[in-house]
PDB file of N, CA and C in Angstrom:
ATOM      1  N   MET A   1      -0.622  24.240 -19.762  1.00  0.00           N
ATOM      2  CA  MET A   1      -0.010  23.723 -18.557  1.00  0.00           C
ATOM      3  C   MET A   1      -0.647  22.405 -18.129  1.00  0.00           C
ATOM      4  N   LEU A   2      -1.963  22.356 -18.139  1.00  0.00           N
ATOM      5  CA  LEU A   2      -2.644  21.130 -17.722  1.00  0.00           C
ATOM      6  C   LEU A   2      -2.503  20.016 -18.746  1.00  0.00           C
ATOM      7  N   ALA A   3      -2.205  20.345 -19.965  1.00  0.00           N
ATOM      8  CA  ALA A   3      -2.048  19.325 -21.000  1.00  0.00           C
ATOM      9  C   ALA A   3      -0.865  18.413 -20.708  1.00  0.00           C
ATOM     10  N   ALA A   4       0.114  18.909 -19.965  1.00  0.00           N
ATOM     11  CA  ALA A   4       1.282  18.097 -19.639  1.00  0.00           C
ATOM     12  C   ALA A   4       0.930  16.988 -18.654  1.00  0.00           C
ATOM     13  N   TYR A   5      -0.140  17.170 -17.882  1.00  0.00           N
ATOM     14  CA  TYR A   5      -0.521  16.177 -16.879  1.00  0.00           C
ATOM     15  C   TYR A   5      -1.563  15.183 -17.372  1.00  0.00           C
ATOM     16  N   THR A   6      -2.049  15.346 -18.590  1.00  0.00           N
ATOM     17  CA  THR A   6      -3.100  14.438 -19.070  1.00  0.00           C
ATOM     18  C   THR A   6      -2.594  13.007 -19.192  1.00  0.00           C
ATOM     19  N   ASP A   7      -1.348  12.818 -19.580  1.00  0.00           N
ATOM     20  CA  ASP A   7      -0.805  11.463 -19.680  1.00  0.00           C
ATOM     21  C   ASP A   7      -0.723  10.800 -18.308  1.00  0.00           C
ATOM     22  N   VAL A   8      -0.307  11.552 -17.312  1.00  0.00           N
ATOM     23  CA  VAL A   8      -0.191  11.003 -15.955  1.00  0.00           C
ATOM     24  C   VAL A   8      -1.560  10.660 -15.400  1.00  0.00           C
ATOM     25  N   VAL A   9      -2.520  11.550 -15.562  1.00  0.00           N
ATOM     26  CA  VAL A   9      -3.870  11.307 -15.061  1.00  0.00           C
ATOM     27  C   VAL A   9      -4.496  10.126 -15.795  1.00  0.00           C
ATOM     28  N   THR A  10      -4.306  10.047 -17.083  1.00  0.00           N
ATOM     29  CA  THR A  10      -4.833   8.919 -17.850  1.00  0.00           C
ATOM     30  C   THR A  10      -4.218   7.608 -17.377  1.00  0.00           C
ATOM     31  N   PHE A  11      -2.923   7.590 -17.164  1.00  0.00           N
ATOM     32  CA  PHE A  11      -2.250   6.393 -16.679  1.00  0.00           C
ATOM     33  C   PHE A  11      -2.792   5.976 -15.313  1.00  0.00           C
ATOM     34  N   LEU A  12      -2.970   6.943 -14.405  1.00  0.00           N
ATOM     35  CA  LEU A  12      -3.500   6.629 -13.082  1.00  0.00           C
ATOM     36  C   LEU A  12      -4.928   6.101 -13.152  1.00  0.00           C
ATOM     37  N   LEU A  13      -5.755   6.701 -13.993  1.00  0.00           N
ATOM     38  CA  LEU A  13      -7.137   6.216 -14.137  1.00  0.00           C
ATOM     39  C   LEU A  13      -7.180   4.802 -14.698  1.00  0.00           C
ATOM     40  N   VAL A  14      -6.367   4.519 -15.691  1.00  0.00           N
ATOM     41  CA  VAL A  14      -6.328   3.163 -16.261  1.00  0.00           C
ATOM     42  C   VAL A  14      -5.842   2.171 -15.218  1.00  0.00           C
ATOM     43  N   ALA A  15      -4.851   2.555 -14.414  1.00  0.00           N
ATOM     44  CA  ALA A  15      -4.336   1.665 -13.380  1.00  0.00           C
ATOM     45  C   ALA A  15      -5.402   1.376 -12.335  1.00  0.00           C
ATOM     46  N   VAL A  16      -6.108   2.409 -11.876  1.00  0.00           N
ATOM     47  CA  VAL A  16      -7.149   2.217 -10.863  1.00  0.00           C
ATOM     48  C   VAL A  16      -8.284   1.372 -11.422  1.00  0.00           C
ATOM     49  N   LEU A  17      -8.702   1.631 -12.649  1.00  0.00           N
ATOM     50  CA  LEU A  17      -9.765   0.827 -13.265  1.00  0.00           C
ATOM     51  C   LEU A  17      -9.339  -0.629 -13.457  1.00  0.00           C
ATOM     52  N   PHE A  18      -8.083  -0.848 -13.836  1.00  0.00           N
ATOM     53  CA  PHE A  18      -7.591  -2.213 -14.006  1.00  0.00           C
ATOM     54  C   PHE A  18      -7.579  -2.972 -12.681  1.00  0.00           C
ATOM     55  N   ILE A  19      -7.144  -2.311 -11.629  1.00  0.00           N
ATOM     56  CA  ILE A  19      -7.113  -2.960 -10.311  1.00  0.00           C
ATOM     57  C   ILE A  19      -8.526  -3.247  -9.825  1.00  0.00           C
ATOM     58  N   ALA A  20      -9.423  -2.275  -9.967  1.00  0.00           N
ATOM     59  CA  ALA A  20     -10.807  -2.478  -9.530  1.00  0.00           C
ATOM     60  C   ALA A  20     -11.475  -3.598 -10.326  1.00  0.00           C
ATOM     61  N   ALA A  21     -11.259  -3.636 -11.631  1.00  0.00           N
ATOM     62  CA  ALA A  21     -11.856  -4.686 -12.452  1.00  0.00           C
ATOM     63  C   ALA A  21     -11.275  -6.053 -12.099  1.00  0.00           C
ATOM     64  N   SER A  22      -9.986  -6.124 -11.837  1.00  0.00           N
ATOM     65  CA  SER A  22      -9.365  -7.398 -11.466  1.00  0.00           C
ATOM     66  C   SER A  22      -9.914  -7.918 -10.145  1.00  0.00           C
ATOM     67  N   LEU A  23     -10.055  -7.045  -9.154  1.00  0.00           N
ATOM     68  CA  LEU A  23     -10.608  -7.465  -7.867  1.00  0.00           C
ATOM     69  C   LEU A  23     -12.070  -7.883  -7.987  1.00  0.00           C
ATOM     70  N   PHE A  24     -12.836  -7.153  -8.785  1.00  0.00           N
ATOM     71  CA  PHE A  24     -14.248  -7.493  -8.962  1.00  0.00           C
ATOM     72  C   PHE A  24     -14.411  -8.834  -9.673  1.00  0.00           C
ATOM     73  N   LEU A  25     -13.670  -9.040 -10.741  1.00  0.00           N
ATOM     74  CA  LEU A  25     -13.767 -10.313 -11.464  1.00  0.00           C
ATOM     75  C   LEU A  25     -13.242 -11.478 -10.627  1.00  0.00           C
ATOM     76  N   GLY A  26     -12.202 -11.245  -9.852  1.00  0.00           N
ATOM     77  CA  GLY A  26     -11.687 -12.284  -8.971  1.00  0.00           C
ATOM     78  C   GLY A  26     -12.707 -12.679  -7.925  1.00  0.00           C
ATOM     79  N   GLY A  27     -13.444 -11.705  -7.397  1.00  0.00           N
ATOM     80  CA  GLY A  27     -14.492 -11.994  -6.423  1.00  0.00           C
ATOM     81  C   GLY A  27     -15.641 -12.775  -7.027  1.00  0.00           C
ATOM     82  N   LEU A  28     -15.939 -12.542  -8.295  1.00  0.00           N
ATOM     83  CA  LEU A  28     -17.021 -13.280  -8.951  1.00  0.00           C
ATOM     84  C   LEU A  28     -16.616 -14.702  -9.330  1.00  0.00           C
ATOM     85  N   LEU A  29     -15.385 -14.900  -9.742  1.00  0.00           N
ATOM     86  CA  LEU A  29     -14.969 -16.187 -10.291  1.00  0.00           C
ATOM     87  C   LEU A  29     -14.423 -17.177  -9.261  1.00  0.00           C
ATOM     88  N   ARG A  30     -13.902 -16.700  -8.146  1.00  0.00           N
ATOM     89  CA  ARG A  30     -13.298 -17.634  -7.195  1.00  0.00           C
ATOM     90  C   ARG A  30     -14.368 -18.349  -6.381  1.00  0.00           C
ATOM     91  N   PRO A  31     -14.085 -19.563  -5.964  1.00  0.00           N
ATOM     92  CA  PRO A  31     -15.046 -20.280  -5.110  1.00  0.00           C
ATOM     93  C   PRO A  31     -15.037 -19.682  -3.704  1.00  0.00           C
ATOM     94  N   HIS A  32     -16.220 -19.655  -3.099  1.00  0.00           N
ATOM     95  CA  HIS A  32     -16.341 -19.084  -1.758  1.00  0.00           C
ATOM     96  C   HIS A  32     -17.168 -20.045  -0.905  1.00  0.00           C
ATOM     97  N   HIS A  33     -16.472 -20.915  -0.178  1.00  0.00           N
ATOM     98  CA  HIS A  33     -17.129 -21.895   0.675  1.00  0.00           C
ATOM     99  C   HIS A  33     -16.482 -21.868   2.058  1.00  0.00           C
ATOM    100  N   PRO A  34     -16.844 -20.890   2.877  1.00  0.00           N
ATOM    101  CA  PRO A  34     -16.209 -20.838   4.199  1.00  0.00           C
ATOM    102  C   PRO A  34     -16.757 -21.919   5.129  1.00  0.00           C
ATOM    103  N   TYR A  35     -15.890 -22.485   5.933  1.00  0.00           N
ATOM    104  CA  TYR A  35     -16.279 -23.434   6.975  1.00  0.00           C
ATOM    105  C   TYR A  35     -15.387 -23.158   8.181  1.00  0.00           C
ATOM    106  N   PRO A  36     -15.727 -23.669   9.348  1.00  0.00           N
ATOM    107  CA  PRO A  36     -15.006 -23.262  10.570  1.00  0.00           C
ATOM    108  C   PRO A  36     -13.495 -23.469  10.507  1.00  0.00           C
ATOM    109  N   GLU A  37     -13.029 -24.578   9.943  1.00  0.00           N
ATOM    110  CA  GLU A  37     -11.583 -24.792   9.862  1.00  0.00           C
ATOM    111  C   GLU A  37     -10.920 -23.779   8.941  1.00  0.00           C
ATOM    112  N   LYS A  38     -11.621 -23.423   7.890  1.00  0.00           N
ATOM    113  CA  LYS A  38     -11.068 -22.459   6.937  1.00  0.00           C
ATOM    114  C   LYS A  38     -10.991 -21.060   7.547  1.00  0.00           C
ATOM    115  N   LEU A  39     -11.920 -20.744   8.433  1.00  0.00           N
ATOM    116  CA  LEU A  39     -11.962 -19.429   9.043  1.00  0.00           C
ATOM    117  C   LEU A  39     -11.080 -19.314  10.282  1.00  0.00           C
ATOM    118  N   SER A  40     -10.450 -20.413  10.706  1.00  0.00           N
ATOM    119  CA  SER A  40      -9.558 -20.349  11.864  1.00  0.00           C
ATOM    120  C   SER A  40      -8.257 -19.651  11.460  1.00  0.00           C
ATOM    121  N   PRO A  41      -7.474 -19.180  12.447  1.00  0.00           N
ATOM    122  CA  PRO A  41      -6.245 -18.448  12.105  1.00  0.00           C
ATOM    123  C   PRO A  41      -5.243 -19.274  11.306  1.00  0.00           C
ATOM    124  N   TYR A  42      -5.205 -20.580  11.516  1.00  0.00           N
ATOM    125  CA  TYR A  42      -4.295 -21.447  10.782  1.00  0.00           C
ATOM    126  C   TYR A  42      -5.114 -22.411   9.947  1.00  0.00           C
ATOM    127  N   GLU A  43      -4.710 -22.620   8.717  1.00  0.00           N
ATOM    128  CA  GLU A  43      -5.455 -23.489   7.827  1.00  0.00           C
ATOM    129  C   GLU A  43      -4.892 -24.904   7.797  1.00  0.00           C
ATOM    130  N   CYS A  44      -4.064 -25.261   8.769  1.00  0.00           N
ATOM    131  CA  CYS A  44      -3.453 -26.585   8.740  1.00  0.00           C
ATOM    132  C   CYS A  44      -4.358 -27.645   9.357  1.00  0.00           C
ATOM    133  N   GLY A  45      -5.465 -27.262   9.973  1.00  0.00           N
ATOM    134  CA  GLY A  45      -6.374 -28.228  10.555  1.00  0.00           C
ATOM    135  C   GLY A  45      -6.158 -28.450  12.034  1.00  0.00           C
ATOM    136  N   LYS A  46      -5.122 -27.869  12.605  1.00  0.00           N
ATOM    137  CA  LYS A  46      -4.862 -28.019  14.038  1.00  0.00           C
ATOM    138  C   LYS A  46      -5.279 -26.752  14.770  1.00  0.00           C
ATOM    139  N   ALA A  47      -5.699 -26.941  16.010  1.00  0.00           N
ATOM    140  CA  ALA A  47      -6.089 -25.789  16.819  1.00  0.00           C
ATOM    141  C   ALA A  47      -4.843 -25.002  17.208  1.00  0.00           C
ATOM    142  N   PRO A  48      -4.920 -23.686  17.166  1.00  0.00           N
ATOM    143  CA  PRO A  48      -3.757 -22.890  17.555  1.00  0.00           C
ATOM    144  C   PRO A  48      -3.447 -23.039  19.051  1.00  0.00           C
ATOM    145  N   ILE A  49      -2.159 -23.020  19.375  1.00  0.00           N
ATOM    146  CA  ILE A  49      -1.712 -23.145  20.758  1.00  0.00           C
ATOM    147  C   ILE A  49      -1.136 -21.802  21.185  1.00  0.00           C
ATOM    148  N   GLY A  50      -1.624 -21.265  22.260  1.00  0.00           N
ATOM    149  CA  GLY A  50      -1.088 -20.011  22.778  1.00  0.00           C
ATOM    150  C   GLY A  50      -1.612 -18.802  22.032  1.00  0.00           C
ATOM    151  N   SER A  51      -0.990 -17.693  22.336  1.00  0.00           N
ATOM    152  CA  SER A  51      -1.404 -16.427  21.742  1.00  0.00           C
ATOM    153  C   SER A  51      -0.764 -16.244  20.360  1.00  0.00           C
ATOM    154  N   GLY A  52      -1.432 -15.519  19.516  1.00  0.00           N
ATOM    155  CA  GLY A  52      -0.889 -15.237  18.194  1.00  0.00           C
ATOM    156  C   GLY A  52       0.069 -14.072  18.193  1.00  0.00           C
ATOM    157  N   GLN A  53       0.133 -13.348  19.305  1.00  0.00           N
ATOM    158  CA  GLN A  53       1.013 -12.189  19.388  1.00  0.00           C
ATOM    159  C   GLN A  53       2.223 -12.537  20.244  1.00  0.00           C
ATOM    160  N   VAL A  54       3.399 -12.331  19.687  1.00  0.00           N
ATOM    161  CA  VAL A  54       4.640 -12.625  20.371  1.00  0.00           C
ATOM    162  C   VAL A  54       5.418 -11.317  20.507  1.00  0.00           C
ATOM    163  N   ARG A  55       5.984 -11.086  21.668  1.00  0.00           N
ATOM    164  CA  ARG A  55       6.780  -9.875  21.881  1.00  0.00           C
ATOM    165  C   ARG A  55       8.211 -10.144  21.451  1.00  0.00           C
ATOM    166  N   PHE A  56       8.704  -9.309  20.574  1.00  0.00           N
ATOM    167  CA  PHE A  56      10.083  -9.401  20.135  1.00  0.00           C
ATOM    168  C   PHE A  56      10.936  -8.431  20.935  1.00  0.00           C
ATOM    169  N   LYS A  57      12.176  -8.790  21.129  1.00  0.00           N
ATOM    170  CA  LYS A  57      13.086  -7.891  21.816  1.00  0.00           C
ATOM    171  C   LYS A  57      13.456  -6.740  20.882  1.00  0.00           C
ATOM    172  N   VAL A  58      13.519  -5.570  21.435  1.00  0.00           N
ATOM    173  CA  VAL A  58      13.872  -4.389  20.652  1.00  0.00           C
ATOM    174  C   VAL A  58      15.336  -4.450  20.239  1.00  0.00           C
ATOM    175  N   ARG A  59      16.123  -5.211  20.966  1.00  0.00           N
ATOM    176  CA  ARG A  59      17.557  -5.301  20.702  1.00  0.00           C
ATOM    177  C   ARG A  59      17.836  -5.739  19.264  1.00  0.00           C
ATOM    178  N   TYR A  60      17.033  -6.632  18.699  1.00  0.00           N
ATOM    179  CA  TYR A  60      17.265  -7.093  17.328  1.00  0.00           C
ATOM    180  C   TYR A  60      17.087  -5.952  16.329  1.00  0.00           C
ATOM    181  N   TYR A  61      16.089  -5.122  16.558  1.00  0.00           N
ATOM    182  CA  TYR A  61      15.863  -3.996  15.665  1.00  0.00           C
ATOM    183  C   TYR A  61      16.990  -2.967  15.794  1.00  0.00           C
ATOM    184  N   ILE A  62      17.438  -2.720  17.001  1.00  0.00           N
ATOM    185  CA  ILE A  62      18.534  -1.773  17.208  1.00  0.00           C
ATOM    186  C   ILE A  62      19.805  -2.292  16.551  1.00  0.00           C
ATOM    187  N   PHE A  63      20.047  -3.588  16.680  1.00  0.00           N
ATOM    188  CA  PHE A  63      21.213  -4.194  16.036  1.00  0.00           C
ATOM    189  C   PHE A  63      21.141  -3.994  14.524  1.00  0.00           C
ATOM    190  N   ALA A  64      19.965  -4.210  13.947  1.00  0.00           N
ATOM    191  CA  ALA A  64      19.796  -4.023  12.501  1.00  0.00           C
ATOM    192  C   ALA A  64      19.991  -2.563  12.104  1.00  0.00           C
ATOM    193  N   LEU A  65      19.491  -1.635  12.917  1.00  0.00           N
ATOM    194  CA  LEU A  65      19.659  -0.223  12.595  1.00  0.00           C
ATOM    195  C   LEU A  65      21.116   0.216  12.687  1.00  0.00           C
ATOM    196  N   VAL A  66      21.839  -0.294  13.685  1.00  0.00           N
ATOM    197  CA  VAL A  66      23.258   0.040  13.797  1.00  0.00           C
ATOM    198  C   VAL A  66      24.013  -0.497  12.585  1.00  0.00           C
ATOM    199  N   PHE A  67      23.685  -1.732  12.174  1.00  0.00           N
ATOM    200  CA  PHE A  67      24.320  -2.290  10.979  1.00  0.00           C
ATOM    201  C   PHE A  67      24.015  -1.433   9.757  1.00  0.00           C
ATOM    202  N   LEU A  68      22.768  -1.012   9.630  1.00  0.00           N
ATOM    203  CA  LEU A  68      22.374  -0.209   8.472  1.00  0.00           C
ATOM    204  C   LEU A  68      23.118   1.124   8.444  1.00  0.00           C
ATOM    205  N   VAL A  69      23.261   1.752   9.592  1.00  0.00           N
ATOM    206  CA  VAL A  69      23.975   3.032   9.658  1.00  0.00           C
ATOM    207  C   VAL A  69      25.420   2.854   9.214  1.00  0.00           C
ATOM    208  N   PHE A  70      26.106   1.836   9.740  1.00  0.00           N
ATOM    209  CA  PHE A  70      27.505   1.646   9.372  1.00  0.00           C
ATOM    210  C   PHE A  70      27.641   1.184   7.922  1.00  0.00           C
ATOM    211  N   ASP A  71      26.662   0.485   7.406  1.00  0.00           N
ATOM    212  CA  ASP A  71      26.699   0.059   6.014  1.00  0.00           C
ATOM    213  C   ASP A  71      26.563   1.263   5.080  1.00  0.00           C
ATOM    214  N   VAL A  72      25.666   2.160   5.391  1.00  0.00           N
ATOM    215  CA  VAL A  72      25.489   3.368   4.571  1.00  0.00           C
ATOM    216  C   VAL A  72      26.722   4.248   4.660  1.00  0.00           C
ATOM    217  N   GLU A  73      27.330   4.305   5.838  1.00  0.00           N
ATOM    218  CA  GLU A  73      28.541   5.106   5.985  1.00  0.00           C
ATOM    219  C   GLU A  73      29.682   4.532   5.146  1.00  0.00           C
ATOM    220  N   ALA A  74      29.716   3.226   5.000  1.00  0.00           N
ATOM    221  CA  ALA A  74      30.731   2.615   4.136  1.00  0.00           C
ATOM    222  C   ALA A  74      30.544   3.059   2.688  1.00  0.00           C
ATOM    223  N   LEU A  75      29.309   3.262   2.259  1.00  0.00           N
ATOM    224  CA  LEU A  75      29.069   3.781   0.911  1.00  0.00           C
ATOM    225  C   LEU A  75      29.605   5.198   0.763  1.00  0.00           C
ATOM    226  N   PHE A  76      29.448   6.021   1.796  1.00  0.00           N
ATOM    227  CA  PHE A  76      30.004   7.372   1.750  1.00  0.00           C
ATOM    228  C   PHE A  76      31.524   7.325   1.663  1.00  0.00           C
ATOM    229  N   LEU A  77      32.125   6.395   2.366  1.00  0.00           N
ATOM    230  CA  LEU A  77      33.586   6.280   2.305  1.00  0.00           C
ATOM    231  C   LEU A  77      34.063   5.868   0.913  1.00  0.00           C
ATOM    232  N   TYR A  78      33.299   5.060   0.221  1.00  0.00           N
ATOM    233  CA  TYR A  78      33.679   4.672  -1.139  1.00  0.00           C
ATOM    234  C   TYR A  78      33.684   5.887  -2.063  1.00  0.00           C
ATOM    235  N   ALA A  79      32.631   6.686  -1.979  1.00  0.00           N
ATOM    236  CA  ALA A  79      32.569   7.887  -2.826  1.00  0.00           C
ATOM    237  C   ALA A  79      33.698   8.860  -2.469  1.00  0.00           C
ATOM    238  N   TRP A  80      34.011   8.960  -1.193  1.00  0.00           N
ATOM    239  CA  TRP A  80      35.099   9.827  -0.742  1.00  0.00           C
ATOM    240  C   TRP A  80      36.438   9.330  -1.289  1.00  0.00           C
ATOM    241  N   ALA A  81      36.659   8.019  -1.296  1.00  0.00           N
ATOM    242  CA  ALA A  81      37.928   7.467  -1.773  1.00  0.00           C
ATOM    243  C   ALA A  81      38.098   7.682  -3.282  1.00  0.00           C
ATOM    244  N   VAL A  82      37.010   7.714  -4.011  1.00  0.00           N
ATOM    245  CA  VAL A  82      37.095   7.900  -5.460  1.00  0.00           C
ATOM    246  C   VAL A  82      37.590   9.300  -5.806  1.00  0.00           C
ATOM    247  N   ILE A  83      37.168  10.322  -5.070  1.00  0.00           N
ATOM    248  CA  ILE A  83      37.544  11.705  -5.399  1.00  0.00           C
ATOM    249  C   ILE A  83      38.673  12.236  -4.522  1.00  0.00           C
ATOM    250  N   LEU A  84      39.321  11.393  -3.752  1.00  0.00           N
ATOM    251  CA  LEU A  84      40.305  11.862  -2.777  1.00  0.00           C
ATOM    252  C   LEU A  84      41.481  12.569  -3.442  1.00  0.00           C
ATOM    253  N   ARG A  85      41.999  12.055  -4.547  1.00  0.00           N
ATOM    254  CA  ARG A  85      43.157  12.688  -5.197  1.00  0.00           C
ATOM    255  C   ARG A  85      42.830  14.086  -5.708  1.00  0.00           C
ATOM    256  N   GLN A  86      41.638  14.252  -6.267  1.00  0.00           N
ATOM    257  CA  GLN A  86      41.283  15.563  -6.799  1.00  0.00           C
ATOM    258  C   GLN A  86      40.938  16.554  -5.691  1.00  0.00           C
ATOM    259  N   ALA A  87      40.427  16.059  -4.564  1.00  0.00           N
ATOM    260  CA  ALA A  87      39.988  16.954  -3.496  1.00  0.00           C
ATOM    261  C   ALA A  87      41.156  17.448  -2.649  1.00  0.00           C
ATOM    262  N   GLY A  88      42.201  16.666  -2.536  1.00  0.00           N
ATOM    263  CA  GLY A  88      43.394  17.126  -1.826  1.00  0.00           C
ATOM    264  C   GLY A  88      43.379  16.840  -0.334  1.00  0.00           C
ATOM    265  N   TRP A  89      44.292  17.562   0.367  1.00  0.00           N
ATOM    266  CA  TRP A  89      44.495  17.340   1.796  1.00  0.00           C
ATOM    267  C   TRP A  89      43.274  17.655   2.657  1.00  0.00           C
ATOM    268  N   PRO A  90      42.511  18.711   2.378  1.00  0.00           N
ATOM    269  CA  PRO A  90      41.336  18.962   3.237  1.00  0.00           C
ATOM    270  C   PRO A  90      40.354  17.783   3.239  1.00  0.00           C
ATOM    271  N   ALA A  91      40.191  17.161   2.098  1.00  0.00           N
ATOM    272  CA  ALA A  91      39.285  16.011   2.033  1.00  0.00           C
ATOM    273  C   ALA A  91      39.831  14.839   2.835  1.00  0.00           C
ATOM    274  N   LEU A  92      41.152  14.684   2.851  1.00  0.00           N
ATOM    275  CA  LEU A  92      41.748  13.616   3.654  1.00  0.00           C
ATOM    276  C   LEU A  92      41.456  13.833   5.128  1.00  0.00           C
ATOM    277  N   TRP A  93      41.626  15.062   5.612  1.00  0.00           N
ATOM    278  CA  TRP A  93      41.375  15.342   7.033  1.00  0.00           C
ATOM    279  C   TRP A  93      39.891  15.206   7.362  1.00  0.00           C
ATOM    280  N   GLU A  94      39.030  15.593   6.442  1.00  0.00           N
ATOM    281  CA  GLU A  94      37.595  15.414   6.673  1.00  0.00           C
ATOM    282  C   GLU A  94      37.230  13.933   6.729  1.00  0.00           C
ATOM    283  N   GLY A  95      37.871  13.136   5.866  1.00  0.00           N
ATOM    284  CA  GLY A  95      37.630  11.693   5.897  1.00  0.00           C
ATOM    285  C   GLY A  95      38.120  11.059   7.182  1.00  0.00           C
ATOM    286  N   ILE A  96      39.275  11.515   7.664  1.00  0.00           N
ATOM    287  CA  ILE A  96      39.794  10.994   8.931  1.00  0.00           C
ATOM    288  C   ILE A  96      38.856  11.379  10.079  1.00  0.00           C
ATOM    289  N   ALA A  97      38.349  12.604  10.066  1.00  0.00           N
ATOM    290  CA  ALA A  97      37.401  13.028  11.105  1.00  0.00           C
ATOM    291  C   ALA A  97      36.114  12.209  11.034  1.00  0.00           C
ATOM    292  N   PHE A  98      35.673  11.905   9.824  1.00  0.00           N
ATOM    293  CA  PHE A  98      34.465  11.108   9.629  1.00  0.00           C
ATOM    294  C   PHE A  98      34.643   9.696  10.184  1.00  0.00           C
ATOM    295  N   VAL A  99      35.766   9.067   9.869  1.00  0.00           N
ATOM    296  CA  VAL A  99      36.038   7.719  10.373  1.00  0.00           C
ATOM    297  C   VAL A  99      36.195   7.746  11.889  1.00  0.00           C
ATOM    298  N   ALA A 100      36.812   8.793  12.433  1.00  0.00           N
ATOM    299  CA  ALA A 100      36.946   8.917  13.889  1.00  0.00           C
ATOM    300  C   ALA A 100      35.573   9.041  14.546  1.00  0.00           C
ATOM    301  N   LEU A 101      34.687   9.799  13.931  1.00  0.00           N
ATOM    302  CA  LEU A 101      33.330   9.924  14.462  1.00  0.00           C
ATOM    303  C   LEU A 101      32.603   8.581  14.417  1.00  0.00           C
ATOM    304  N   LEU A 102      32.778   7.834  13.340  1.00  0.00           N
ATOM    305  CA  LEU A 102      32.196   6.492  13.262  1.00  0.00           C
ATOM    306  C   LEU A 102      32.764   5.587  14.344  1.00  0.00           C
ATOM    307  N   PHE A 103      34.053   5.711  14.597  1.00  0.00           N
ATOM    308  CA  PHE A 103      34.689   4.884  15.627  1.00  0.00           C
ATOM    309  C   PHE A 103      34.150   5.232  17.009  1.00  0.00           C
ATOM    310  N   VAL A 104      33.934   6.519  17.269  1.00  0.00           N
ATOM    311  CA  VAL A 104      33.339   6.934  18.547  1.00  0.00           C
ATOM    312  C   VAL A 104      31.925   6.363  18.680  1.00  0.00           C
ATOM    313  N   GLY A 105      31.160   6.380  17.609  1.00  0.00           N
ATOM    314  CA  GLY A 105      29.824   5.790  17.634  1.00  0.00           C
ATOM    315  C   GLY A 105      29.861   4.291  17.879  1.00  0.00           C
ATOM    316  N   LEU A 106      30.851   3.611  17.300  1.00  0.00           N
ATOM    317  CA  LEU A 106      30.999   2.176  17.520  1.00  0.00           C
ATOM    318  C   LEU A 106      31.359   1.883  18.972  1.00  0.00           C
ATOM    319  N   ILE A 107      32.262   2.663  19.546  1.00  0.00           N
ATOM    320  CA  ILE A 107      32.637   2.481  20.944  1.00  0.00           C
ATOM    321  C   ILE A 107      31.425   2.737  21.852  1.00  0.00           C
ATOM    322  N   TYR A 108      30.647   3.765  21.535  1.00  0.00           N
ATOM    323  CA  TYR A 108      29.448   4.070  22.318  1.00  0.00           C
ATOM    324  C   TYR A 108      28.457   2.910  22.267  1.00  0.00           C
ATOM    325  N   ALA A 109      28.218   2.370  21.060  1.00  0.00           N
ATOM    326  CA  ALA A 109      27.292   1.240  20.927  1.00  0.00           C
ATOM    327  C   ALA A 109      27.828   0.015  21.659  1.00  0.00           C
ATOM    328  N   TRP A 110      29.119  -0.171  21.639  1.00  0.00           N
ATOM    329  CA  TRP A 110      29.733  -1.314  22.316  1.00  0.00           C
ATOM    330  C   TRP A 110      29.572  -1.191  23.835  1.00  0.00           C
ATOM    331  N   ARG A 111      29.790   0.004  24.359  1.00  0.00           N
ATOM    332  CA  ARG A 111      29.666   0.202  25.811  1.00  0.00           C
ATOM    333  C   ARG A 111      28.225   0.103  26.285  1.00  0.00           C
ATOM    334  N   LYS A 112      27.284   0.486  25.446  1.00  0.00           N
ATOM    335  CA  LYS A 112      25.869   0.373  25.798  1.00  0.00           C
ATOM    336  C   LYS A 112      25.344  -1.046  25.591  1.00  0.00           C
ATOM    337  N   LYS A 113      26.228  -1.939  25.133  1.00  0.00           N
ATOM    338  CA  LYS A 113      25.912  -3.353  24.883  1.00  0.00           C
ATOM    339  C   LYS A 113      24.809  -3.528  23.826  1.00  0.00           C
ATOM    340  N   VAL A 114      24.812  -2.618  22.849  1.00  0.00           N
ATOM    341  CA  VAL A 114      23.867  -2.724  21.741  1.00  0.00           C
ATOM    342  C   VAL A 114      24.301  -3.840  20.795  1.00  0.00           C
ATOM    343  N   LEU A 115      25.597  -4.092  20.689  1.00  0.00           N
ATOM    344  CA  LEU A 115      26.105  -5.074  19.743  1.00  0.00           C
ATOM    345  C   LEU A 115      26.027  -6.493  20.289  1.00  0.00           C
ATOM    346  N   LYS A 116      25.547  -6.656  21.509  1.00  0.00           N
ATOM    347  CA  LYS A 116      25.386  -7.987  22.094  1.00  0.00           C
ATOM    348  C   LYS A 116      24.133  -8.606  21.490  1.00  0.00           C
ATOM    349  N   TRP A 117      24.265  -9.735  20.816  1.00  0.00           N
ATOM    350  CA  TRP A 117      23.145 -10.304  20.064  1.00  0.00           C
ATOM    351  C   TRP A 117      22.106 -10.931  20.972  1.00  0.00           C
ATOM    352  N   VAL A 118      22.513 -11.723  21.940  1.00  0.00           N
ATOM    353  CA  VAL A 118      21.525 -12.418  22.787  1.00  0.00           C
ATOM    354  C   VAL A 118      21.538 -11.834  24.181  1.00  0.00           C
TER     355      VAL A 118
END
């Protein structure tokens, strides 16, 4: 039983050793000359202005998630359309119910003003 895992364990050990050796050799061979400008947050030579942390609106992420949900649902509709003839009338009604549910979700997102970009 354990003989089946020897290839996987060997592969993982070789990968870990390769990564460790690469990092160690890179640390030995690269030049290391830190100076104040190099250690600043920006390496362009100019002093940073303002804070480095900016607050993003959550609305952009919600917009992306809504797009992702409807995009994935479109993939389900493609698979449904491919087998529709073989599945018959029950599959048609299930597809109509699915699209109706998506439409209700779209109306809900629209009323909550989630689809408003700015």
